[in-house]
């Protein structure tokens, strides 16, 4: 995998204002007031639950020939080592080997016969674990995302893990991609100040259902699930 450091500077950018049309069910998105830079691996905390919280407010960027797509990460779920609901629970396989690369790589899998799911690997090399990206607040390339999603409802463009992957055009080809290398798909710095981070149980599981390992920005309308009580500080950690 390519190193993240050399490509860092060439991915400093200032998005052009992109304010979508106001229609029923559409929320105006304010243009970015700051530049974004590709996150370095050293920026990422070691540990799944720490990373799941850290990624709230950071950005996901995909450079396509048709334009740049980006969004603020507003909801995540952590799947740490030993989690029976995680894909690495039974060890390394051909299908999940990207989870063991070390933190900051992309792990993509296909589920429900229709949807791709985008994850960020979260532990030291050789330890399988990841953070599922559940929802984005669209920033740039909104009209392109609308075309991929076949909807003009801005709130619904990337609300939910499957919708997120479709809107951002991420599929199995991106499994194993270094998200800190600053190439086509990368993790970026925060685009704005983030609100309070809350936690809840994860969505749609049959194992480890009581664990509060889902994190989201409080009050953000782009989140995909219930906004339950449980406000957390940016430095608090869920380890149980």
C-alpha atoms as a PDB file:
ATOM      1  CA  UNK A   1       0.000   0.000   0.000  1.00  0.00           C
ATOM      2  CA  UNK A   2       1.303   3.528  -0.730  1.00  0.00           C
ATOM      3  CA  UNK A   3       2.408   5.713   2.115  1.00  0.00           C
ATOM      4  CA  UNK A   4       0.005   8.474   3.196  1.00  0.00           C
ATOM      5  CA  UNK A   5       2.555  11.232   3.771  1.00  0.00           C
ATOM      6  CA  UNK A   6       3.791  12.080   0.249  1.00  0.00           C
ATOM      7  CA  UNK A   7       0.275  12.693  -1.133  1.00  0.00           C
ATOM      8  CA  UNK A   8      -0.875  14.868   1.743  1.00  0.00           C
ATOM      9  CA  UNK A   9      -0.094  18.283   0.297  1.00  0.00           C
ATOM     10  CA  UNK A  10      -1.568  17.670  -3.126  1.00  0.00           C
ATOM     11  CA  UNK A  11      -4.939  17.001  -1.541  1.00  0.00           C
ATOM     12  CA  UNK A  12      -5.267  20.355   0.162  1.00  0.00           C
ATOM     13  CA  UNK A  13      -8.327  21.887  -1.488  1.00  0.00           C
ATOM     14  CA  UNK A  14     -11.098  24.419  -1.077  1.00  0.00           C
ATOM     15  CA  UNK A  15     -14.456  23.113  -2.334  1.00  0.00           C
ATOM     16  CA  UNK A  16     -16.544  25.322  -4.583  1.00  0.00           C
ATOM     17  CA  UNK A  17     -19.861  26.448  -3.112  1.00  0.00           C
ATOM     18  CA  UNK A  18     -22.544  23.882  -3.877  1.00  0.00           C
ATOM     19  CA  UNK A  19     -25.948  24.787  -2.528  1.00  0.00           C
ATOM     20  CA  UNK A  20     -28.713  22.445  -3.714  1.00  0.00           C
ATOM     21  CA  UNK A  21     -32.148  23.487  -4.884  1.00  0.00           C
ATOM     22  CA  UNK A  22     -34.734  23.893  -2.150  1.00  0.00           C
ATOM     23  CA  UNK A  23     -37.522  21.395  -2.659  1.00  0.00           C
ATOM     24  CA  UNK A  24     -39.803  19.463  -0.357  1.00  0.00           C
ATOM     25  CA  UNK A  25     -37.625  17.284   1.855  1.00  0.00           C
ATOM     26  CA  UNK A  26     -34.416  19.018   0.779  1.00  0.00           C
ATOM     27  CA  UNK A  27     -32.147  20.794   3.224  1.00  0.00           C
ATOM     28  CA  UNK A  28     -29.818  23.558   2.047  1.00  0.00           C
ATOM     29  CA  UNK A  29     -26.160  22.666   2.583  1.00  0.00           C
ATOM     30  CA  UNK A  30     -23.899  25.577   3.405  1.00  0.00           C
ATOM     31  CA  UNK A  31     -20.699  25.891   1.335  1.00  0.00           C
ATOM     32  CA  UNK A  32     -17.507  24.981   3.162  1.00  0.00           C
ATOM     33  CA  UNK A  33     -15.644  27.800   4.805  1.00  0.00           C
ATOM     34  CA  UNK A  34     -12.363  25.922   5.227  1.00  0.00           C
ATOM     35  CA  UNK A  35      -9.965  23.699   3.319  1.00  0.00           C
ATOM     36  CA  UNK A  36      -9.618  19.971   3.880  1.00  0.00           C
ATOM     37  CA  UNK A  37      -6.486  17.891   4.108  1.00  0.00           C
ATOM     38  CA  UNK A  38      -6.023  14.158   3.934  1.00  0.00           C
ATOM     39  CA  UNK A  39      -5.699  12.655   7.400  1.00  0.00           C
ATOM     40  CA  UNK A  40      -2.353  11.095   8.198  1.00  0.00           C
ATOM     41  CA  UNK A  41      -2.252   7.663   9.788  1.00  0.00           C
ATOM     42  CA  UNK A  42      -0.560   9.234  12.788  1.00  0.00           C
ATOM     43  CA  UNK A  43      -3.689  11.373  13.250  1.00  0.00           C
ATOM     44  CA  UNK A  44      -5.870   8.314  13.775  1.00  0.00           C
ATOM     45  CA  UNK A  45      -6.177   6.982  17.326  1.00  0.00           C
ATOM     46  CA  UNK A  46      -5.261   3.339  17.865  1.00  0.00           C
ATOM     47  CA  UNK A  47      -8.362   1.512  19.072  1.00  0.00           C
ATOM     48  CA  UNK A  48     -11.756   0.876  17.522  1.00  0.00           C
ATOM     49  CA  UNK A  49     -13.988   2.747  19.958  1.00  0.00           C
ATOM     50  CA  UNK A  50     -11.648   5.723  20.042  1.00  0.00           C
ATOM     51  CA  UNK A  51     -11.578   5.851  16.229  1.00  0.00           C
ATOM     52  CA  UNK A  52     -15.363   5.474  15.963  1.00  0.00           C
ATOM     53  CA  UNK A  53     -15.767   8.667  17.998  1.00  0.00           C
ATOM     54  CA  UNK A  54     -12.833  10.470  16.398  1.00  0.00           C
ATOM     55  CA  UNK A  55     -14.292  10.038  12.898  1.00  0.00           C
ATOM     56  CA  UNK A  56     -17.477  11.924  13.786  1.00  0.00           C
ATOM     57  CA  UNK A  57     -17.068  15.312  12.101  1.00  0.00           C
ATOM     58  CA  UNK A  58     -14.252  14.190   9.811  1.00  0.00           C
ATOM     59  CA  UNK A  59     -14.846  13.935   6.070  1.00  0.00           C
ATOM     60  CA  UNK A  60     -14.933  11.236   3.428  1.00  0.00           C
ATOM     61  CA  UNK A  61     -13.806  12.350  -0.036  1.00  0.00           C
ATOM     62  CA  UNK A  62     -14.033  10.541  -3.372  1.00  0.00           C
ATOM     63  CA  UNK A  63     -12.480  12.039  -6.504  1.00  0.00           C
ATOM     64  CA  UNK A  64     -14.358  10.869  -9.598  1.00  0.00           C
ATOM     65  CA  UNK A  65     -13.849  11.812 -13.270  1.00  0.00           C
ATOM     66  CA  UNK A  66     -17.270  13.498 -13.116  1.00  0.00           C
ATOM     67  CA  UNK A  67     -16.458  15.537  -9.989  1.00  0.00           C
ATOM     68  CA  UNK A  68     -15.518  15.425  -6.339  1.00  0.00           C
ATOM     69  CA  UNK A  69     -17.880  13.890  -3.797  1.00  0.00           C
ATOM     70  CA  UNK A  70     -17.527  14.639  -0.101  1.00  0.00           C
ATOM     71  CA  UNK A  71     -19.459  14.555   3.137  1.00  0.00           C
ATOM     72  CA  UNK A  72     -19.136  14.963   6.894  1.00  0.00           C
ATOM     73  CA  UNK A  73     -19.200  11.668   8.802  1.00  0.00           C
ATOM     74  CA  UNK A  74     -22.065  12.054  11.288  1.00  0.00           C
ATOM     75  CA  UNK A  75     -22.662   8.454  12.390  1.00  0.00           C
ATOM     76  CA  UNK A  76     -20.429   5.426  12.978  1.00  0.00           C
ATOM     77  CA  UNK A  77     -20.497   2.006  14.622  1.00  0.00           C
ATOM     78  CA  UNK A  78     -17.491   0.353  16.234  1.00  0.00           C
ATOM     79  CA  UNK A  79     -16.721  -3.367  15.930  1.00  0.00           C
ATOM     80  CA  UNK A  80     -13.680  -3.927  18.192  1.00  0.00           C
ATOM     81  CA  UNK A  81     -11.606  -7.112  18.586  1.00  0.00           C
ATOM     82  CA  UNK A  82     -13.619  -9.903  20.197  1.00  0.00           C
ATOM     83  CA  UNK A  83     -16.976  -8.434  19.166  1.00  0.00           C
ATOM     84  CA  UNK A  84     -19.209 -11.341  18.102  1.00  0.00           C
ATOM     85  CA  UNK A  85     -21.044  -9.024  15.686  1.00  0.00           C
ATOM     86  CA  UNK A  86     -17.820  -8.086  13.897  1.00  0.00           C
ATOM     87  CA  UNK A  87     -16.568  -9.667  10.676  1.00  0.00           C
ATOM     88  CA  UNK A  88     -13.184 -10.465  12.229  1.00  0.00           C
ATOM     89  CA  UNK A  89     -14.626 -12.422  15.166  1.00  0.00           C
ATOM     90  CA  UNK A  90     -13.806 -15.850  13.691  1.00  0.00           C
ATOM     91  CA  UNK A  91     -10.402 -14.826  12.399  1.00  0.00           C
ATOM     92  CA  UNK A  92      -8.814 -13.796   9.142  1.00  0.00           C
ATOM     93  CA  UNK A  93     -10.292 -15.021   5.874  1.00  0.00           C
ATOM     94  CA  UNK A  94      -9.921 -14.178   2.212  1.00  0.00           C
ATOM     95  CA  UNK A  95     -13.025 -11.988   2.440  1.00  0.00           C
ATOM     96  CA  UNK A  96     -12.118  -9.978   5.532  1.00  0.00           C
ATOM     97  CA  UNK A  97      -8.321  -9.750   5.243  1.00  0.00           C
ATOM     98  CA  UNK A  98      -8.446  -5.967   4.779  1.00  0.00           C
ATOM     99  CA  UNK A  99      -9.644  -5.649   8.387  1.00  0.00           C
ATOM    100  CA  UNK A 100      -6.195  -6.823   9.532  1.00  0.00           C
ATOM    101  CA  UNK A 101      -4.090  -4.264   7.613  1.00  0.00           C
ATOM    102  CA  UNK A 102      -3.841  -1.754  10.472  1.00  0.00           C
ATOM    103  CA  UNK A 103      -5.792   1.429  11.038  1.00  0.00           C
ATOM    104  CA  UNK A 104      -6.826   3.721   8.203  1.00  0.00           C
ATOM    105  CA  UNK A 105      -7.646   1.277   5.399  1.00  0.00           C
ATOM    106  CA  UNK A 106     -10.967   0.717   3.679  1.00  0.00           C
ATOM    107  CA  UNK A 107     -12.867  -2.524   4.262  1.00  0.00           C
ATOM    108  CA  UNK A 108     -15.859  -2.981   1.951  1.00  0.00           C
ATOM    109  CA  UNK A 109     -18.317  -5.851   2.017  1.00  0.00           C
ATOM    110  CA  UNK A 110     -21.586  -6.668   0.245  1.00  0.00           C
ATOM    111  CA  UNK A 111     -24.707  -7.476   2.239  1.00  0.00           C
ATOM    112  CA  UNK A 112     -28.465  -7.995   1.941  1.00  0.00           C
ATOM    113  CA  UNK A 113     -27.902  -8.910  -1.714  1.00  0.00           C
ATOM    114  CA  UNK A 114     -27.977  -5.245  -2.671  1.00  0.00           C
ATOM    115  CA  UNK A 115     -25.730  -2.961  -0.605  1.00  0.00           C
ATOM    116  CA  UNK A 116     -22.057  -2.290  -0.022  1.00  0.00           C
ATOM    117  CA  UNK A 117     -20.879  -1.230   3.433  1.00  0.00           C
ATOM    118  CA  UNK A 118     -17.865   1.037   3.991  1.00  0.00           C
ATOM    119  CA  UNK A 119     -15.623   0.557   7.017  1.00  0.00           C
ATOM    120  CA  UNK A 120     -12.382   2.064   8.306  1.00  0.00           C
ATOM    121  CA  UNK A 121      -9.932  -0.396   9.835  1.00  0.00           C
ATOM    122  CA  UNK A 122      -9.066   0.519  13.395  1.00  0.00           C
ATOM    123  CA  UNK A 123      -6.359  -1.505  15.140  1.00  0.00           C
ATOM    124  CA  UNK A 124      -2.682  -2.393  14.822  1.00  0.00           C
ATOM    125  CA  UNK A 125      -1.612  -4.540  11.834  1.00  0.00           C
ATOM    126  CA  UNK A 126      -2.644  -8.142  12.367  1.00  0.00           C
ATOM    127  CA  UNK A 127      -5.610  -7.287  14.603  1.00  0.00           C
ATOM    128  CA  UNK A 128      -8.969  -7.428  12.853  1.00  0.00           C
ATOM    129  CA  UNK A 129     -11.474  -4.677  13.695  1.00  0.00           C
ATOM    130  CA  UNK A 130     -13.226  -1.774  12.047  1.00  0.00           C
ATOM    131  CA  UNK A 131     -15.573   1.186  12.171  1.00  0.00           C
ATOM    132  CA  UNK A 132     -18.673   1.148   9.979  1.00  0.00           C
ATOM    133  CA  UNK A 133     -19.561   4.496   8.384  1.00  0.00           C
ATOM    134  CA  UNK A 134     -23.329   4.757   8.773  1.00  0.00           C
ATOM    135  CA  UNK A 135     -24.198   8.280   7.596  1.00  0.00           C
ATOM    136  CA  UNK A 136     -22.790  11.364   5.881  1.00  0.00           C
ATOM    137  CA  UNK A 137     -23.900  14.983   5.697  1.00  0.00           C
ATOM    138  CA  UNK A 138     -23.319  15.778   1.988  1.00  0.00           C
ATOM    139  CA  UNK A 139     -20.893  18.600   1.220  1.00  0.00           C
ATOM    140  CA  UNK A 140     -19.718  18.541  -2.370  1.00  0.00           C
ATOM    141  CA  UNK A 141     -20.966  16.864  -5.525  1.00  0.00           C
ATOM    142  CA  UNK A 142     -24.527  16.800  -4.211  1.00  0.00           C
ATOM    143  CA  UNK A 143     -26.170  16.756  -7.643  1.00  0.00           C
ATOM    144  CA  UNK A 144     -23.924  13.872  -8.693  1.00  0.00           C
ATOM    145  CA  UNK A 145     -24.905  11.966  -5.542  1.00  0.00           C
ATOM    146  CA  UNK A 146     -28.562  12.657  -6.280  1.00  0.00           C
ATOM    147  CA  UNK A 147     -28.105  11.018  -9.668  1.00  0.00           C
ATOM    148  CA  UNK A 148     -26.498   7.926  -8.171  1.00  0.00           C
ATOM    149  CA  UNK A 149     -29.191   7.679  -5.504  1.00  0.00           C
ATOM    150  CA  UNK A 150     -32.074   8.680  -7.814  1.00  0.00           C
ATOM    151  CA  UNK A 151     -33.437  11.121  -5.253  1.00  0.00           C
ATOM    152  CA  UNK A 152     -33.391  14.873  -4.654  1.00  0.00           C
ATOM    153  CA  UNK A 153     -34.074  14.515  -0.938  1.00  0.00           C
ATOM    154  CA  UNK A 154     -30.775  15.733   0.474  1.00  0.00           C
ATOM    155  CA  UNK A 155     -31.500  14.223   3.884  1.00  0.00           C
ATOM    156  CA  UNK A 156     -31.753  10.760   2.340  1.00  0.00           C
ATOM    157  CA  UNK A 157     -28.725  10.837   0.056  1.00  0.00           C
ATOM    158  CA  UNK A 158     -26.292   9.191   2.491  1.00  0.00           C
ATOM    159  CA  UNK A 159     -28.435   8.387   5.542  1.00  0.00           C
ATOM    160  CA  UNK A 160     -27.682   4.725   6.177  1.00  0.00           C
ATOM    161  CA  UNK A 161     -24.612   2.647   5.387  1.00  0.00           C
ATOM    162  CA  UNK A 162     -25.900   1.242   2.084  1.00  0.00           C
ATOM    163  CA  UNK A 163     -27.063   4.635   0.848  1.00  0.00           C
ATOM    164  CA  UNK A 164     -23.721   6.147   1.839  1.00  0.00           C
ATOM    165  CA  UNK A 165     -21.804   3.652  -0.303  1.00  0.00           C
ATOM    166  CA  UNK A 166     -24.130   4.179  -3.264  1.00  0.00           C
ATOM    167  CA  UNK A 167     -24.007   7.970  -3.032  1.00  0.00           C
ATOM    168  CA  UNK A 168     -20.211   7.979  -2.754  1.00  0.00           C
ATOM    169  CA  UNK A 169     -19.815   5.257  -5.417  1.00  0.00           C
ATOM    170  CA  UNK A 170     -17.802   2.918  -3.206  1.00  0.00           C
ATOM    171  CA  UNK A 171     -17.874  -0.804  -3.959  1.00  0.00           C
ATOM    172  CA  UNK A 172     -15.671  -3.873  -3.532  1.00  0.00           C
ATOM    173  CA  UNK A 173     -13.002  -2.374  -5.808  1.00  0.00           C
ATOM    174  CA  UNK A 174     -12.077  -0.084  -2.898  1.00  0.00           C
ATOM    175  CA  UNK A 175     -11.592  -2.891  -0.393  1.00  0.00           C
ATOM    176  CA  UNK A 176      -8.071  -2.560   1.003  1.00  0.00           C
ATOM    177  CA  UNK A 177      -7.509   1.006  -0.245  1.00  0.00           C
ATOM    178  CA  UNK A 178      -5.327   3.168   1.985  1.00  0.00           C
ATOM    179  CA  UNK A 179      -7.583   6.017   3.139  1.00  0.00           C
ATOM    180  CA  UNK A 180      -4.551   7.993   4.306  1.00  0.00           C
ATOM    181  CA  UNK A 181      -2.758   7.903   0.930  1.00  0.00           C
ATOM    182  CA  UNK A 182      -4.632  10.848  -0.580  1.00  0.00           C
ATOM    183  CA  UNK A 183      -5.562   9.098  -3.812  1.00  0.00           C
ATOM    184  CA  UNK A 184      -9.090   8.671  -5.226  1.00  0.00           C
ATOM    185  CA  UNK A 185     -10.792   7.826  -1.906  1.00  0.00           C
ATOM    186  CA  UNK A 186      -9.566   9.390   1.318  1.00  0.00           C
ATOM    187  CA  UNK A 187     -10.397  10.537   4.820  1.00  0.00           C
ATOM    188  CA  UNK A 188     -10.217  14.288   5.368  1.00  0.00           C
ATOM    189  CA  UNK A 189     -10.029  16.727   8.214  1.00  0.00           C
ATOM    190  CA  UNK A 190     -13.145  18.322   9.701  1.00  0.00           C
ATOM    191  CA  UNK A 191     -15.106  20.783   7.572  1.00  0.00           C
ATOM    192  CA  UNK A 192     -16.811  22.486  10.510  1.00  0.00           C
ATOM    193  CA  UNK A 193     -17.114  22.393  14.272  1.00  0.00           C
ATOM    194  CA  UNK A 194     -18.896  19.275  15.447  1.00  0.00           C
ATOM    195  CA  UNK A 195     -21.717  19.198  17.982  1.00  0.00           C
ATOM    196  CA  UNK A 196     -21.980  16.899  21.023  1.00  0.00           C
ATOM    197  CA  UNK A 197     -21.395  13.218  20.308  1.00  0.00           C
ATOM    198  CA  UNK A 198     -23.955  10.718  21.592  1.00  0.00           C
ATOM    199  CA  UNK A 199     -23.945   6.929  21.791  1.00  0.00           C
ATOM    200  CA  UNK A 200     -26.537   4.176  21.535  1.00  0.00           C
ATOM    201  CA  UNK A 201     -26.824   0.499  20.766  1.00  0.00           C
ATOM    202  CA  UNK A 202     -26.031  -0.495  17.202  1.00  0.00           C
ATOM    203  CA  UNK A 203     -28.660  -1.032  14.514  1.00  0.00           C
ATOM    204  CA  UNK A 204     -29.905  -4.300  13.022  1.00  0.00           C
ATOM    205  CA  UNK A 205     -27.791  -6.751  15.026  1.00  0.00           C
ATOM    206  CA  UNK A 206     -28.598 -10.114  16.587  1.00  0.00           C
ATOM    207  CA  UNK A 207     -25.338 -10.399  18.587  1.00  0.00           C
ATOM    208  CA  UNK A 208     -23.837  -8.051  21.173  1.00  0.00           C
ATOM    209  CA  UNK A 209     -27.069  -6.080  20.901  1.00  0.00           C
ATOM    210  CA  UNK A 210     -26.674  -4.330  24.271  1.00  0.00           C
ATOM    211  CA  UNK A 211     -23.342  -2.704  23.470  1.00  0.00           C
ATOM    212  CA  UNK A 212     -23.419   1.086  23.078  1.00  0.00           C
ATOM    213  CA  UNK A 213     -21.033   1.186  20.166  1.00  0.00           C
ATOM    214  CA  UNK A 214     -22.925   3.462  17.799  1.00  0.00           C
ATOM    215  CA  UNK A 215     -21.873   7.130  17.777  1.00  0.00           C
ATOM    216  CA  UNK A 216     -23.530  10.131  16.154  1.00  0.00           C
ATOM    217  CA  UNK A 217     -23.596  13.908  16.217  1.00  0.00           C
ATOM    218  CA  UNK A 218     -26.440  14.990  18.465  1.00  0.00           C
ATOM    219  CA  UNK A 219     -29.324  16.602  16.595  1.00  0.00           C
ATOM    220  CA  UNK A 220     -27.877  16.092  13.126  1.00  0.00           C
ATOM    221  CA  UNK A 221     -30.786  15.297  10.754  1.00  0.00           C
ATOM    222  CA  UNK A 222     -28.588  13.205   8.449  1.00  0.00           C
ATOM    223  CA  UNK A 223     -28.198  10.384  11.005  1.00  0.00           C
ATOM    224  CA  UNK A 224     -29.712   7.040  10.040  1.00  0.00           C
ATOM    225  CA  UNK A 225     -31.226   5.774  13.268  1.00  0.00           C
ATOM    226  CA  UNK A 226     -32.754   6.692  16.616  1.00  0.00           C
ATOM    227  CA  UNK A 227     -31.178   9.636  18.400  1.00  0.00           C
ATOM    228  CA  UNK A 228     -31.206   8.120  21.855  1.00  0.00           C
ATOM    229  CA  UNK A 229     -29.959   9.782  25.044  1.00  0.00           C
ATOM    230  CA  UNK A 230     -26.413   9.159  26.145  1.00  0.00           C
ATOM    231  CA  UNK A 231     -24.389  12.290  25.474  1.00  0.00           C
ATOM    232  CA  UNK A 232     -20.642  11.676  25.484  1.00  0.00           C
ATOM    233  CA  UNK A 233     -17.656  13.968  25.521  1.00  0.00           C
ATOM    234  CA  UNK A 234     -15.188  13.851  22.640  1.00  0.00           C
ATOM    235  CA  UNK A 235     -12.646  12.069  24.837  1.00  0.00           C
ATOM    236  CA  UNK A 236     -14.897   9.499  26.493  1.00  0.00           C
ATOM    237  CA  UNK A 237     -14.511   5.869  25.522  1.00  0.00           C
ATOM    238  CA  UNK A 238     -16.809   2.838  25.283  1.00  0.00           C
ATOM    239  CA  UNK A 239     -14.822  -0.259  26.120  1.00  0.00           C
ATOM    240  CA  UNK A 240     -17.428  -2.737  27.369  1.00  0.00           C
END
